[in-house]
N, C-alpha and C. Protein backbone atom coordinates (compact mmCIF):
# COMPACT_ATOMS: atom_id res chain seq x y z
N MET A 1 -2.67 27.22 12.40
CA MET A 1 -1.45 27.86 12.86
C MET A 1 -0.39 27.76 11.76
N GLN A 2 0.30 28.84 11.50
CA GLN A 2 1.32 28.87 10.46
C GLN A 2 2.71 28.75 11.08
N GLY A 3 3.58 28.03 10.43
CA GLY A 3 4.95 27.89 10.88
C GLY A 3 5.86 28.77 10.05
N VAL A 4 7.15 28.50 10.11
CA VAL A 4 8.13 29.25 9.33
C VAL A 4 7.85 29.08 7.85
N LEU A 5 8.06 30.13 7.07
CA LEU A 5 7.86 30.13 5.61
C LEU A 5 6.41 29.85 5.21
N ASN A 6 5.45 30.22 6.04
CA ASN A 6 4.03 30.05 5.75
C ASN A 6 3.66 28.59 5.46
N VAL A 7 4.31 27.66 6.09
CA VAL A 7 3.98 26.24 5.94
C VAL A 7 3.08 25.85 7.09
N ASP A 8 1.94 25.27 6.77
CA ASP A 8 0.99 24.83 7.80
C ASP A 8 1.64 23.74 8.64
N ILE A 9 1.59 23.89 9.96
CA ILE A 9 2.22 22.91 10.86
C ILE A 9 1.60 21.54 10.71
N LYS A 10 0.28 21.45 10.54
CA LYS A 10 -0.36 20.15 10.34
C LYS A 10 0.16 19.50 9.06
N GLU A 11 0.37 20.30 8.01
CA GLU A 11 0.91 19.77 6.76
C GLU A 11 2.31 19.22 6.98
N THR A 12 3.13 19.92 7.75
CA THR A 12 4.49 19.47 8.04
C THR A 12 4.46 18.16 8.81
N GLU A 13 3.55 18.02 9.77
CA GLU A 13 3.43 16.78 10.53
C GLU A 13 3.04 15.63 9.61
N SER A 14 2.13 15.89 8.67
CA SER A 14 1.72 14.85 7.71
C SER A 14 2.88 14.43 6.83
N ILE A 15 3.66 15.40 6.38
CA ILE A 15 4.82 15.09 5.54
C ILE A 15 5.83 14.27 6.33
N ASN A 16 6.08 14.64 7.57
CA ASN A 16 7.01 13.87 8.40
C ASN A 16 6.51 12.45 8.63
N GLN A 17 5.19 12.30 8.80
CA GLN A 17 4.62 10.97 8.99
C GLN A 17 4.83 10.13 7.73
N LEU A 18 4.62 10.72 6.56
CA LEU A 18 4.85 10.00 5.31
C LEU A 18 6.32 9.65 5.14
N ARG A 19 7.20 10.57 5.48
CA ARG A 19 8.64 10.29 5.38
C ARG A 19 9.04 9.11 6.27
N SER A 20 8.37 8.97 7.41
CA SER A 20 8.73 7.90 8.33
C SER A 20 8.39 6.51 7.77
N VAL A 21 7.53 6.43 6.77
CA VAL A 21 7.19 5.13 6.19
C VAL A 21 7.81 4.91 4.81
N LEU A 22 8.66 5.84 4.37
CA LEU A 22 9.34 5.64 3.09
C LEU A 22 10.15 4.35 3.12
N GLN A 23 10.05 3.59 2.04
CA GLN A 23 10.74 2.31 1.87
C GLN A 23 10.30 1.24 2.87
N LYS A 24 9.21 1.45 3.56
CA LYS A 24 8.63 0.42 4.44
C LYS A 24 7.66 -0.42 3.60
N THR A 25 7.45 -1.64 4.01
CA THR A 25 6.51 -2.51 3.31
C THR A 25 5.09 -2.06 3.62
N MET A 26 4.32 -1.83 2.55
CA MET A 26 2.95 -1.34 2.68
C MET A 26 2.02 -2.27 1.92
N SER A 27 0.87 -2.52 2.50
CA SER A 27 -0.17 -3.34 1.89
C SER A 27 -1.34 -2.42 1.55
N ILE A 28 -1.74 -2.40 0.27
CA ILE A 28 -2.80 -1.51 -0.17
C ILE A 28 -3.91 -2.33 -0.81
N LYS A 29 -5.11 -2.20 -0.24
CA LYS A 29 -6.29 -2.87 -0.81
C LYS A 29 -6.94 -1.89 -1.77
N ILE A 30 -7.30 -2.39 -2.99
CA ILE A 30 -7.91 -1.53 -3.99
C ILE A 30 -9.33 -1.99 -4.31
N THR A 31 -10.07 -1.15 -5.03
CA THR A 31 -11.51 -1.33 -5.21
C THR A 31 -11.90 -2.65 -5.88
N ASP A 32 -11.05 -3.25 -6.68
CA ASP A 32 -11.42 -4.51 -7.35
C ASP A 32 -11.10 -5.74 -6.50
N GLY A 33 -10.68 -5.53 -5.24
CA GLY A 33 -10.44 -6.64 -4.33
C GLY A 33 -8.99 -7.09 -4.25
N ARG A 34 -8.16 -6.64 -5.17
CA ARG A 34 -6.76 -7.03 -5.11
C ARG A 34 -6.04 -6.30 -3.99
N VAL A 35 -4.91 -6.88 -3.56
CA VAL A 35 -4.06 -6.26 -2.56
C VAL A 35 -2.67 -6.16 -3.15
N MET A 36 -2.10 -4.97 -3.10
CA MET A 36 -0.74 -4.74 -3.58
C MET A 36 0.17 -4.60 -2.37
N VAL A 37 1.25 -5.37 -2.34
CA VAL A 37 2.21 -5.33 -1.23
C VAL A 37 3.56 -4.97 -1.81
N GLY A 38 4.12 -3.85 -1.33
CA GLY A 38 5.41 -3.41 -1.84
C GLY A 38 6.02 -2.34 -0.95
N LYS A 39 7.16 -1.83 -1.39
CA LYS A 39 7.86 -0.78 -0.63
C LYS A 39 7.30 0.57 -1.04
N PHE A 40 6.87 1.36 -0.05
CA PHE A 40 6.30 2.68 -0.29
C PHE A 40 7.38 3.62 -0.81
N CYS A 41 7.15 4.16 -2.01
CA CYS A 41 8.11 5.10 -2.62
C CYS A 41 7.64 6.54 -2.52
N CYS A 42 6.38 6.82 -2.88
CA CYS A 42 5.89 8.19 -2.78
C CYS A 42 4.38 8.24 -2.98
N ILE A 43 3.84 9.43 -2.70
CA ILE A 43 2.42 9.72 -2.90
C ILE A 43 2.35 11.15 -3.41
N ASP A 44 1.39 11.44 -4.30
CA ASP A 44 1.23 12.81 -4.78
C ASP A 44 -0.02 13.45 -4.19
N ASN A 45 -0.30 14.68 -4.59
CA ASN A 45 -1.46 15.41 -4.03
C ASN A 45 -2.78 14.75 -4.37
N GLY A 46 -2.83 13.95 -5.43
CA GLY A 46 -4.05 13.26 -5.82
C GLY A 46 -4.25 11.94 -5.09
N GLY A 47 -3.30 11.59 -4.22
CA GLY A 47 -3.40 10.34 -3.48
C GLY A 47 -2.90 9.14 -4.25
N ASN A 48 -2.30 9.37 -5.43
CA ASN A 48 -1.72 8.27 -6.20
C ASN A 48 -0.47 7.79 -5.49
N ILE A 49 -0.34 6.48 -5.34
CA ILE A 49 0.75 5.90 -4.56
C ILE A 49 1.66 5.09 -5.48
N ILE A 50 2.96 5.24 -5.29
CA ILE A 50 3.93 4.43 -6.02
C ILE A 50 4.56 3.44 -5.05
N LEU A 51 4.50 2.16 -5.42
CA LEU A 51 5.12 1.09 -4.65
C LEU A 51 6.20 0.43 -5.50
N GLY A 52 7.30 0.06 -4.88
CA GLY A 52 8.36 -0.68 -5.56
C GLY A 52 8.37 -2.13 -5.08
N GLU A 53 8.97 -3.00 -5.89
CA GLU A 53 9.08 -4.43 -5.54
C GLU A 53 7.72 -5.01 -5.16
N THR A 54 6.71 -4.67 -5.95
CA THR A 54 5.33 -4.99 -5.60
C THR A 54 4.91 -6.40 -6.00
N ILE A 55 4.13 -7.00 -5.12
CA ILE A 55 3.48 -8.29 -5.38
C ILE A 55 1.99 -8.05 -5.34
N GLU A 56 1.29 -8.52 -6.37
CA GLU A 56 -0.16 -8.43 -6.43
C GLU A 56 -0.74 -9.71 -5.84
N LYS A 57 -1.69 -9.57 -4.93
CA LYS A 57 -2.37 -10.73 -4.35
C LYS A 57 -3.86 -10.60 -4.65
N ARG A 58 -4.43 -11.66 -5.16
CA ARG A 58 -5.88 -11.64 -5.41
C ARG A 58 -6.48 -12.95 -4.93
N THR A 59 -7.67 -12.85 -4.37
CA THR A 59 -8.39 -14.01 -3.88
C THR A 59 -9.60 -14.21 -4.78
N PHE A 60 -9.82 -15.46 -5.18
CA PHE A 60 -10.93 -15.76 -6.08
C PHE A 60 -11.52 -17.11 -5.73
N SER A 61 -12.73 -17.35 -6.23
CA SER A 61 -13.41 -18.61 -5.99
C SER A 61 -13.24 -19.51 -7.22
N LEU A 62 -12.77 -20.72 -7.00
CA LEU A 62 -12.56 -21.68 -8.08
C LEU A 62 -13.58 -22.81 -7.92
N LYS A 63 -14.46 -22.95 -8.91
CA LYS A 63 -15.48 -23.99 -8.86
C LYS A 63 -14.94 -25.27 -9.49
N THR A 64 -15.17 -26.38 -8.79
CA THR A 64 -14.75 -27.68 -9.30
C THR A 64 -15.93 -28.65 -9.19
N LYS A 65 -15.76 -29.85 -9.76
CA LYS A 65 -16.82 -30.87 -9.64
C LYS A 65 -17.08 -31.22 -8.19
N ASP A 66 -15.99 -31.31 -7.40
CA ASP A 66 -16.12 -31.67 -5.99
C ASP A 66 -16.67 -30.52 -5.14
N HIS A 67 -16.45 -29.29 -5.59
CA HIS A 67 -16.88 -28.09 -4.84
C HIS A 67 -17.58 -27.11 -5.78
N PRO A 68 -18.84 -27.41 -6.17
CA PRO A 68 -19.55 -26.52 -7.10
C PRO A 68 -19.81 -25.13 -6.52
N GLU A 69 -19.78 -25.01 -5.18
CA GLU A 69 -19.98 -23.70 -4.56
C GLU A 69 -18.72 -22.85 -4.65
N GLY A 70 -17.60 -23.49 -4.94
CA GLY A 70 -16.33 -22.77 -5.11
C GLY A 70 -15.41 -22.93 -3.92
N VAL A 71 -14.13 -22.93 -4.20
CA VAL A 71 -13.08 -23.00 -3.19
C VAL A 71 -12.26 -21.72 -3.31
N LEU A 72 -12.03 -21.05 -2.18
CA LEU A 72 -11.25 -19.82 -2.22
C LEU A 72 -9.78 -20.13 -2.46
N ARG A 73 -9.20 -19.43 -3.41
CA ARG A 73 -7.78 -19.57 -3.73
C ARG A 73 -7.15 -18.19 -3.73
N GLN A 74 -5.85 -18.15 -3.47
CA GLN A 74 -5.13 -16.89 -3.56
C GLN A 74 -4.01 -17.04 -4.58
N ASP A 75 -3.91 -16.04 -5.44
CA ASP A 75 -2.91 -16.03 -6.50
C ASP A 75 -1.99 -14.84 -6.27
N GLU A 76 -0.71 -15.02 -6.52
CA GLU A 76 0.26 -13.92 -6.37
C GLU A 76 1.09 -13.82 -7.63
N ARG A 77 1.46 -12.57 -7.97
CA ARG A 77 2.40 -12.37 -9.07
C ARG A 77 3.22 -11.12 -8.81
N GLY A 78 4.46 -11.15 -9.22
CA GLY A 78 5.35 -10.00 -9.05
C GLY A 78 5.10 -8.96 -10.13
N LEU A 79 5.00 -7.71 -9.72
CA LEU A 79 4.75 -6.62 -10.67
C LEU A 79 5.90 -5.63 -10.75
N GLY A 80 6.69 -5.51 -9.71
CA GLY A 80 7.77 -4.52 -9.70
C GLY A 80 7.25 -3.16 -9.26
N LEU A 81 7.56 -2.11 -10.04
CA LEU A 81 7.17 -0.74 -9.71
C LEU A 81 5.77 -0.47 -10.24
N VAL A 82 4.86 -0.02 -9.36
CA VAL A 82 3.48 0.24 -9.78
C VAL A 82 3.00 1.60 -9.28
N VAL A 83 2.06 2.17 -10.03
CA VAL A 83 1.35 3.37 -9.61
C VAL A 83 -0.09 2.96 -9.34
N ILE A 84 -0.57 3.25 -8.15
CA ILE A 84 -1.94 2.91 -7.78
C ILE A 84 -2.73 4.22 -7.70
N PRO A 85 -3.71 4.40 -8.59
CA PRO A 85 -4.50 5.64 -8.55
C PRO A 85 -5.21 5.80 -7.21
N GLY A 86 -5.15 6.98 -6.65
CA GLY A 86 -5.75 7.26 -5.36
C GLY A 86 -7.23 6.95 -5.29
N LYS A 87 -7.93 7.11 -6.41
CA LYS A 87 -9.37 6.86 -6.40
C LYS A 87 -9.71 5.38 -6.21
N HIS A 88 -8.73 4.49 -6.37
CA HIS A 88 -8.96 3.06 -6.20
C HIS A 88 -8.48 2.51 -4.85
N VAL A 89 -7.85 3.36 -4.05
CA VAL A 89 -7.31 2.91 -2.76
C VAL A 89 -8.43 2.83 -1.72
N ILE A 90 -8.56 1.66 -1.10
CA ILE A 90 -9.54 1.47 -0.03
C ILE A 90 -8.85 1.53 1.34
N GLU A 91 -7.68 0.88 1.45
CA GLU A 91 -7.02 0.76 2.74
C GLU A 91 -5.51 0.65 2.53
N CYS A 92 -4.75 1.31 3.40
CA CYS A 92 -3.29 1.22 3.39
C CYS A 92 -2.82 0.78 4.77
N LEU A 93 -1.99 -0.22 4.80
CA LEU A 93 -1.43 -0.70 6.06
C LEU A 93 0.08 -0.79 5.92
N VAL A 94 0.79 -0.32 6.94
CA VAL A 94 2.25 -0.42 6.95
C VAL A 94 2.62 -1.62 7.80
N ASP A 95 3.50 -2.45 7.27
CA ASP A 95 3.96 -3.65 7.99
C ASP A 95 4.79 -3.21 9.19
N ASP A 96 4.31 -3.52 10.40
CA ASP A 96 5.01 -3.13 11.62
C ASP A 96 6.40 -3.71 11.70
N ASN A 97 6.60 -4.91 11.16
CA ASN A 97 7.92 -5.54 11.20
C ASN A 97 8.94 -4.74 10.40
N SER A 98 8.53 -4.18 9.24
CA SER A 98 9.48 -3.43 8.43
C SER A 98 9.82 -2.11 9.10
N VAL A 99 8.88 -1.52 9.84
CA VAL A 99 9.14 -0.27 10.55
C VAL A 99 10.12 -0.52 11.69
N GLN A 100 9.88 -1.59 12.48
CA GLN A 100 10.75 -1.89 13.61
C GLN A 100 12.15 -2.27 13.18
N SER A 101 12.28 -3.08 12.12
CA SER A 101 13.61 -3.52 11.70
C SER A 101 14.43 -2.35 11.15
N ASN A 102 13.79 -1.39 10.49
CA ASN A 102 14.53 -0.24 9.99
C ASN A 102 14.88 0.75 11.10
N GLU A 103 14.09 0.80 12.17
CA GLU A 103 14.38 1.70 13.28
C GLU A 103 15.57 1.20 14.08
N THR A 104 15.77 -0.12 14.16
CA THR A 104 16.87 -0.67 14.95
C THR A 104 18.18 -0.70 14.21
N SER A 105 18.14 -0.55 12.88
CA SER A 105 19.42 -0.60 12.14
C SER A 105 20.03 0.75 11.94
């Protein structure tokens, strides 16, 4: 179904849905196992996502004398503004708390 100005209504709904999560905290899992957590800034037609105020989280196994099988550790570092190529995105989650707090203000 076509809307005004030959804009597909489904496309308009998708754009409105994306607008509703602008500047919300988003968690994105990528193909190498890392998780990027930051404020959603934009997405392009290729699915590339830009996050601001981003923190990279990675989980790895650390082998020690006491634990030769490895102990799971999580490391975090601040990255700031990042571009995540769409081909590496596995999962995107929007933090419900950031959505609710922005709706009430």
